[in-house]
Amino acid sequence: MRLIVVEDEPAIAQIIKDAVEDLGHTVCGIARTEQEAVDLADRERPELALMDVRLAGGGDGIVAARRLAAGFGIRSVFLSGYADHATMRRLTETYPLGVVHKPFSLAQLKTALDLAGRRLRARG
């Protein structure tokens, strides 16, 4: 699967990228901000976005996910350290293909990507 990583912390983004590639997927690029995510999605047209909730520059990954879905039909799997009720409510309103709470294991990431891939293939 081709995907983008949207994560404001460069070291974490690199860890995620390496893990995703180890699982056999292709990372088209890394974005740190909401606008970088939109620009990268427009340029690369990935199948999926791995999206952090809080982004650089005060950006909002939930808003970014909405923009990717509305503008390009790109769905998201959220990777987040935030599990409070308000964040989870907002997040679920985007109909994500998955949510993985940080810190996560490689097995949890693999499961989330496998499920997202199945859902995308079922969608046609």
Protein backbone atom coordinates (compact mmCIF):
# COMPACT_ATOMS: atom_id res chain seq x y z
CA MET A 1 0.00 0.00 0.00
CA ARG A 2 1.20 3.54 -0.75
CA LEU A 3 0.80 5.96 2.13
CA ILE A 4 1.94 9.20 3.69
CA VAL A 5 2.99 9.78 7.28
CA VAL A 6 1.67 12.96 8.92
CA GLU A 7 3.60 13.47 12.16
CA ASP A 8 5.09 16.65 13.63
CA GLU A 9 8.00 15.01 15.48
CA PRO A 10 10.75 14.14 12.93
CA ALA A 11 12.26 11.30 14.99
CA ILE A 12 8.85 9.67 15.49
CA ALA A 13 7.98 10.17 11.82
CA GLN A 14 11.18 8.36 10.82
CA ILE A 15 10.44 5.47 13.20
CA ILE A 16 6.94 5.16 11.73
CA LYS A 17 8.29 5.34 8.17
CA ASP A 18 10.87 2.63 8.85
CA ALA A 19 8.27 0.39 10.52
CA VAL A 20 5.78 0.82 7.67
CA GLU A 21 8.45 0.03 5.09
CA ASP A 22 9.56 -3.01 7.11
CA LEU A 23 5.96 -4.22 6.80
CA GLY A 24 6.22 -4.03 3.01
CA HIS A 25 4.41 -0.76 2.33
CA THR A 26 5.66 2.32 0.49
CA VAL A 27 5.89 5.69 2.26
CA CYS A 28 5.48 8.44 -0.36
CA GLY A 29 6.53 11.18 2.04
CA ILE A 30 6.31 12.73 5.48
CA ALA A 31 4.36 15.87 6.36
CA ARG A 32 4.63 17.85 9.60
CA THR A 33 1.74 20.31 9.17
CA GLU A 34 -1.84 20.24 7.98
CA GLN A 35 -0.96 22.12 4.77
CA GLU A 36 2.08 19.93 4.07
CA ALA A 37 -0.22 16.90 4.36
CA VAL A 38 -2.65 18.36 1.82
CA ASP A 39 0.15 19.33 -0.58
CA LEU A 40 1.83 15.92 -0.25
CA ALA A 41 -1.47 14.10 -0.81
CA ASP A 42 -2.19 16.21 -3.88
CA ARG A 43 1.25 15.47 -5.33
CA GLU A 44 1.56 11.76 -4.41
CA ARG A 45 -2.07 10.53 -4.29
CA PRO A 46 -1.45 7.84 -1.66
CA GLU A 47 -3.99 5.20 -0.76
CA LEU A 48 -3.85 6.03 2.95
CA ALA A 49 -2.57 8.59 5.47
CA LEU A 50 -1.11 7.67 8.85
CA MET A 51 -2.19 10.76 10.78
CA ASP A 52 -1.13 12.19 14.12
CA VAL A 53 -3.80 14.24 15.90
CA ARG A 54 -1.59 17.18 16.90
CA LEU A 55 0.57 18.68 14.15
CA ALA A 56 3.29 21.31 13.92
CA GLY A 57 2.34 24.97 13.91
CA GLY A 58 -0.79 24.33 15.95
CA GLY A 59 -2.21 22.18 13.15
CA ASP A 60 -4.96 19.66 13.65
CA GLY A 61 -4.65 16.17 12.21
CA ILE A 62 -8.39 15.66 12.44
CA VAL A 63 -8.97 18.69 10.20
CA ALA A 64 -6.20 17.47 7.89
CA ALA A 65 -7.88 14.05 7.65
CA ARG A 66 -11.17 15.71 6.70
CA ARG A 67 -9.39 17.74 4.02
CA LEU A 68 -7.68 14.65 2.57
CA ALA A 69 -10.96 12.73 2.48
CA ALA A 70 -12.97 15.59 0.95
CA GLY A 71 -10.34 16.72 -1.53
CA PHE A 72 -8.80 13.45 -2.64
CA GLY A 73 -10.82 10.56 -1.22
CA ILE A 74 -7.84 9.59 0.97
CA ARG A 75 -8.76 7.88 4.23
CA SER A 76 -6.72 7.94 7.43
CA VAL A 77 -5.51 5.73 10.23
CA PHE A 78 -4.84 7.86 13.30
CA LEU A 79 -1.71 7.39 15.42
CA SER A 80 -2.29 9.35 18.58
CA GLY A 81 -1.19 9.79 22.14
CA TYR A 82 -4.52 11.46 22.91
CA ALA A 83 -7.39 9.27 24.06
CA ASP A 84 -9.61 11.80 25.85
CA HIS A 85 -13.33 11.71 25.12
CA ALA A 86 -13.49 14.99 23.18
CA THR A 87 -10.60 14.06 20.89
CA MET A 88 -11.96 10.57 20.27
CA ARG A 89 -15.41 11.96 19.46
CA ARG A 90 -13.95 14.41 16.92
CA LEU A 91 -11.71 11.73 15.50
CA THR A 92 -14.51 9.21 14.96
CA GLU A 93 -16.51 11.83 13.06
CA THR A 94 -13.93 11.49 10.25
CA TYR A 95 -14.74 7.75 9.88
CA PRO A 96 -11.10 6.67 10.16
CA LEU A 97 -9.97 3.28 8.93
CA GLY A 98 -8.29 2.77 12.28
CA VAL A 99 -6.91 4.29 15.46
CA VAL A 100 -3.63 3.21 17.04
CA HIS A 101 -2.71 4.70 20.41
CA LYS A 102 0.89 5.75 21.07
CA PRO A 103 3.07 4.16 22.12
CA PHE A 104 2.27 1.22 19.85
CA SER A 105 3.96 -2.01 18.87
CA LEU A 106 4.89 -3.14 15.39
CA ALA A 107 2.19 -5.81 15.69
CA GLN A 108 -0.46 -3.17 16.44
CA LEU A 109 0.66 -1.08 13.47
CA LYS A 110 0.64 -4.16 11.21
CA THR A 111 -2.89 -5.07 12.31
CA ALA A 112 -4.14 -1.52 11.70
CA LEU A 113 -2.57 -1.40 8.23
CA ASP A 114 -3.88 -4.86 7.33
CA LEU A 115 -7.42 -3.89 8.35
CA ALA A 116 -7.20 -0.56 6.53
CA GLY A 117 -5.98 -2.31 3.39
CA ARG A 118 -8.88 -4.77 3.53
CA ARG A 119 -11.38 -1.96 3.98
CA LEU A 120 -9.90 -0.01 1.08
CA ARG A 121 -9.99 -3.07 -1.21
CA ALA A 122 -13.59 -3.82 -0.18
CA ARG A 123 -14.52 -0.25 -1.06
CA GLY A 124 -13.22 -0.81 -4.58
